[in-house]
Amino acid sequence: PRARRTERAEVDWLENLKDRSFRRAAEVVRTSPGTLRRLLLKQVTNQVNIEEALKDLPAFALSIDEHSFRGQDMMITVTCVWPE
């Protein structure tokens, strides 16, 4: 419960998430999917300022989608699409 991990281990764990599901990545690095989810949320929280990212775009479409995996852990995906 009080296990410690290095920053390098956290980077490796996040690298495993690139090509795998939370469950599969957790099996590979021998931790729980919840631990990986919390680590990812810690890394991306407040990383993107939406207003700043979209300020120079003339027009765009914003899509919001909600996902629930087996009735747990509601995920919200926000996608921005703009013409080139």
N, C-alpha and C. Protein backbone atom coordinates (compact mmCIF):
# COMPACT_ATOMS: atom_id res chain seq x y z
N PRO A 1 0.81 -1.22 0.00
CA PRO A 1 0.00 0.00 0.00
C PRO A 1 0.85 1.27 0.00
N ARG A 2 2.04 1.20 0.56
CA ARG A 2 2.89 2.38 0.62
C ARG A 2 4.09 2.26 -0.33
N ALA A 3 3.88 1.53 -1.40
CA ALA A 3 4.96 1.32 -2.35
C ALA A 3 5.38 2.63 -3.00
N ARG A 4 6.66 2.76 -3.23
CA ARG A 4 7.19 3.95 -3.89
C ARG A 4 7.65 3.55 -5.28
N ARG A 5 7.62 4.52 -6.17
CA ARG A 5 8.10 4.26 -7.51
C ARG A 5 8.88 5.47 -7.99
N THR A 6 9.84 5.22 -8.86
CA THR A 6 10.68 6.29 -9.37
C THR A 6 9.97 7.01 -10.51
N GLU A 7 10.46 8.18 -10.83
CA GLU A 7 9.90 8.91 -11.98
C GLU A 7 10.11 8.11 -13.26
N ARG A 8 11.24 7.42 -13.35
CA ARG A 8 11.52 6.60 -14.53
C ARG A 8 10.49 5.48 -14.66
N ALA A 9 10.12 4.87 -13.55
CA ALA A 9 9.10 3.82 -13.57
C ALA A 9 7.77 4.38 -14.06
N GLU A 10 7.41 5.57 -13.59
CA GLU A 10 6.16 6.19 -14.02
C GLU A 10 6.19 6.47 -15.52
N VAL A 11 7.32 6.93 -16.02
CA VAL A 11 7.45 7.19 -17.47
C VAL A 11 7.28 5.88 -18.24
N ASP A 12 7.90 4.81 -17.76
CA ASP A 12 7.77 3.50 -18.41
C ASP A 12 6.32 3.02 -18.40
N TRP A 13 5.64 3.23 -17.28
CA TRP A 13 4.24 2.81 -17.18
C TRP A 13 3.38 3.57 -18.18
N LEU A 14 3.62 4.88 -18.30
CA LEU A 14 2.85 5.69 -19.26
C LEU A 14 3.17 5.29 -20.70
N GLU A 15 4.42 4.92 -20.95
CA GLU A 15 4.79 4.44 -22.29
C GLU A 15 4.01 3.18 -22.64
N ASN A 16 3.79 2.32 -21.66
CA ASN A 16 3.02 1.09 -21.89
C ASN A 16 1.58 1.38 -22.24
N LEU A 17 1.06 2.51 -21.80
CA LEU A 17 -0.34 2.86 -22.10
C LEU A 17 -0.54 3.31 -23.54
N LYS A 18 0.52 3.67 -24.22
CA LYS A 18 0.37 4.18 -25.59
C LYS A 18 -0.27 3.17 -26.53
N ASP A 19 0.09 1.93 -26.40
CA ASP A 19 -0.37 0.90 -27.35
C ASP A 19 -1.28 -0.14 -26.72
N ARG A 20 -1.63 0.05 -25.45
CA ARG A 20 -2.39 -0.98 -24.76
C ARG A 20 -3.56 -0.38 -23.99
N SER A 21 -4.47 -1.24 -23.60
CA SER A 21 -5.55 -0.83 -22.72
C SER A 21 -5.00 -0.70 -21.30
N PHE A 22 -5.79 -0.07 -20.43
CA PHE A 22 -5.36 0.05 -19.03
C PHE A 22 -5.13 -1.34 -18.43
N ARG A 23 -6.04 -2.26 -18.72
CA ARG A 23 -5.92 -3.60 -18.13
C ARG A 23 -4.65 -4.31 -18.60
N ARG A 24 -4.40 -4.28 -19.91
CA ARG A 24 -3.22 -4.97 -20.44
C ARG A 24 -1.93 -4.30 -19.97
N ALA A 25 -1.88 -2.98 -19.97
CA ALA A 25 -0.68 -2.28 -19.50
C ALA A 25 -0.43 -2.58 -18.02
N ALA A 26 -1.49 -2.66 -17.23
CA ALA A 26 -1.34 -2.98 -15.80
C ALA A 26 -0.78 -4.39 -15.62
N GLU A 27 -1.19 -5.32 -16.46
CA GLU A 27 -0.64 -6.68 -16.38
C GLU A 27 0.85 -6.67 -16.71
N VAL A 28 1.22 -5.89 -17.72
CA VAL A 28 2.63 -5.85 -18.16
C VAL A 28 3.52 -5.25 -17.08
N VAL A 29 3.09 -4.16 -16.46
CA VAL A 29 3.94 -3.49 -15.46
C VAL A 29 3.64 -3.95 -14.03
N ARG A 30 2.71 -4.88 -13.89
CA ARG A 30 2.36 -5.49 -12.61
C ARG A 30 1.86 -4.49 -11.57
N THR A 31 0.82 -3.78 -11.98
CA THR A 31 0.12 -2.87 -11.08
C THR A 31 -1.36 -2.95 -11.41
N SER A 32 -2.16 -2.08 -10.84
CA SER A 32 -3.60 -2.12 -11.12
C SER A 32 -3.96 -1.09 -12.19
N PRO A 33 -5.05 -1.33 -12.93
CA PRO A 33 -5.51 -0.33 -13.90
C PRO A 33 -5.83 1.01 -13.22
N GLY A 34 -6.34 0.97 -12.01
CA GLY A 34 -6.65 2.21 -11.28
C GLY A 34 -5.41 3.03 -10.99
N THR A 35 -4.32 2.37 -10.68
CA THR A 35 -3.06 3.07 -10.43
C THR A 35 -2.59 3.77 -11.71
N LEU A 36 -2.69 3.08 -12.83
CA LEU A 36 -2.30 3.69 -14.11
C LEU A 36 -3.21 4.87 -14.46
N ARG A 37 -4.49 4.71 -14.19
CA ARG A 37 -5.45 5.79 -14.48
C ARG A 37 -5.11 7.03 -13.65
N ARG A 38 -4.85 6.84 -12.36
CA ARG A 38 -4.51 7.98 -11.49
C ARG A 38 -3.20 8.63 -11.93
N LEU A 39 -2.23 7.82 -12.34
CA LEU A 39 -0.96 8.36 -12.82
C LEU A 39 -1.16 9.20 -14.08
N LEU A 40 -1.97 8.70 -15.00
CA LEU A 40 -2.25 9.44 -16.23
C LEU A 40 -2.98 10.74 -15.94
N LEU A 41 -3.99 10.69 -15.07
CA LEU A 41 -4.72 11.91 -14.71
C LEU A 41 -3.81 12.93 -14.04
N LYS A 42 -2.88 12.46 -13.22
CA LYS A 42 -1.93 13.35 -12.57
C LYS A 42 -1.06 14.06 -13.61
N GLN A 43 -0.70 13.35 -14.66
CA GLN A 43 0.17 13.91 -15.69
C GLN A 43 -0.54 14.92 -16.58
N VAL A 44 -1.82 14.72 -16.87
CA VAL A 44 -2.50 15.58 -17.84
C VAL A 44 -3.36 16.67 -17.21
N THR A 45 -3.55 16.64 -15.90
CA THR A 45 -4.37 17.65 -15.25
C THR A 45 -3.80 19.04 -15.49
N ASN A 46 -4.63 19.90 -16.01
CA ASN A 46 -4.26 21.30 -16.28
C ASN A 46 -3.09 21.45 -17.24
N GLN A 47 -2.86 20.49 -18.12
CA GLN A 47 -1.77 20.58 -19.09
C GLN A 47 -2.16 21.39 -20.33
N VAL A 48 -3.45 21.39 -20.66
CA VAL A 48 -3.89 22.05 -21.88
C VAL A 48 -4.87 23.17 -21.53
N ASN A 49 -4.55 24.37 -21.97
CA ASN A 49 -5.45 25.50 -21.83
C ASN A 49 -6.25 25.58 -23.13
N ILE A 50 -7.52 25.17 -23.08
CA ILE A 50 -8.35 25.08 -24.29
C ILE A 50 -8.49 26.43 -24.97
N GLU A 51 -8.73 27.47 -24.21
CA GLU A 51 -8.90 28.80 -24.80
C GLU A 51 -7.64 29.22 -25.56
N GLU A 52 -6.49 28.98 -24.97
CA GLU A 52 -5.23 29.35 -25.61
C GLU A 52 -4.98 28.51 -26.86
N ALA A 53 -5.30 27.23 -26.80
CA ALA A 53 -5.07 26.33 -27.93
C ALA A 53 -5.95 26.66 -29.13
N LEU A 54 -7.15 27.21 -28.88
CA LEU A 54 -8.11 27.45 -29.96
C LEU A 54 -8.24 28.90 -30.38
N LYS A 55 -7.50 29.81 -29.77
CA LYS A 55 -7.72 31.24 -29.98
C LYS A 55 -7.49 31.72 -31.40
N ASP A 56 -6.56 31.13 -32.15
CA ASP A 56 -6.25 31.59 -33.50
C ASP A 56 -7.01 30.85 -34.60
N LEU A 57 -7.88 29.94 -34.23
CA LEU A 57 -8.63 29.19 -35.22
C LEU A 57 -9.88 29.96 -35.63
N PRO A 58 -10.13 30.09 -36.95
CA PRO A 58 -11.30 30.84 -37.40
C PRO A 58 -12.61 30.12 -37.10
N ALA A 59 -12.64 28.81 -37.26
CA ALA A 59 -13.86 28.04 -37.02
C ALA A 59 -13.47 26.61 -36.67
N PHE A 60 -14.25 26.01 -35.83
CA PHE A 60 -13.97 24.63 -35.46
C PHE A 60 -15.25 23.97 -34.95
N ALA A 61 -15.23 22.67 -34.93
CA ALA A 61 -16.34 21.90 -34.36
C ALA A 61 -15.81 21.18 -33.13
N LEU A 62 -16.57 21.27 -32.06
CA LEU A 62 -16.19 20.65 -30.81
C LEU A 62 -17.13 19.47 -30.55
N SER A 63 -16.57 18.30 -30.33
CA SER A 63 -17.35 17.10 -30.09
C SER A 63 -17.07 16.60 -28.68
N ILE A 64 -18.12 16.27 -27.95
CA ILE A 64 -17.97 15.73 -26.61
C ILE A 64 -18.66 14.38 -26.57
N ASP A 65 -17.94 13.38 -26.11
CA ASP A 65 -18.47 12.02 -26.06
C ASP A 65 -18.21 11.45 -24.67
N GLU A 66 -19.17 10.72 -24.14
CA GLU A 66 -19.02 10.10 -22.83
C GLU A 66 -18.96 8.59 -23.00
N HIS A 67 -18.05 7.97 -22.28
CA HIS A 67 -17.89 6.52 -22.33
C HIS A 67 -17.95 5.97 -20.92
N SER A 68 -18.55 4.81 -20.79
CA SER A 68 -18.55 4.11 -19.50
C SER A 68 -18.07 2.70 -19.77
N PHE A 69 -17.06 2.28 -19.06
CA PHE A 69 -16.52 0.95 -19.24
C PHE A 69 -17.11 0.02 -18.19
N ARG A 70 -18.00 -0.85 -18.66
CA ARG A 70 -18.70 -1.79 -17.78
C ARG A 70 -19.43 -1.08 -16.65
N GLY A 71 -19.98 0.08 -16.95
CA GLY A 71 -20.76 0.81 -15.97
C GLY A 71 -19.95 1.52 -14.91
N GLN A 72 -18.65 1.60 -15.10
CA GLN A 72 -17.78 2.25 -14.11
C GLN A 72 -16.89 3.26 -14.81
N ASP A 73 -16.33 4.16 -14.04
CA ASP A 73 -15.32 5.10 -14.53
C ASP A 73 -15.76 5.83 -15.80
N MET A 74 -16.68 6.77 -15.64
CA MET A 74 -17.15 7.56 -16.77
C MET A 74 -15.98 8.35 -17.34
N MET A 75 -15.79 8.25 -18.63
CA MET A 75 -14.73 8.97 -19.33
C MET A 75 -15.39 9.98 -20.27
N ILE A 76 -14.84 11.16 -20.35
CA ILE A 76 -15.34 12.18 -21.26
C ILE A 76 -14.22 12.50 -22.26
N THR A 77 -14.54 12.39 -23.54
CA THR A 77 -13.59 12.70 -24.60
C THR A 77 -14.03 13.97 -25.30
N VAL A 78 -13.14 14.93 -25.39
CA VAL A 78 -13.42 16.18 -26.09
C VAL A 78 -12.52 16.21 -27.32
N THR A 79 -13.12 16.37 -28.48
CA THR A 79 -12.38 16.39 -29.74
C THR A 79 -12.66 17.69 -30.47
N CYS A 80 -11.62 18.32 -30.94
CA CYS A 80 -11.75 19.55 -31.70
C CYS A 80 -11.35 19.27 -33.15
N VAL A 81 -12.22 19.61 -34.08
CA VAL A 81 -11.95 19.40 -35.51
C VAL A 81 -12.09 20.74 -36.21
N TRP A 82 -11.11 21.10 -37.01
CA TRP A 82 -11.19 22.35 -37.75
C TRP A 82 -10.73 22.11 -39.18
N PRO A 83 -11.27 22.89 -40.10
CA PRO A 83 -10.88 22.75 -41.51
C PRO A 83 -9.47 23.27 -41.76
N GLU A 84 -8.81 22.66 -42.71
CA GLU A 84 -7.46 23.13 -43.05
C GLU A 84 -7.50 23.99 -44.27
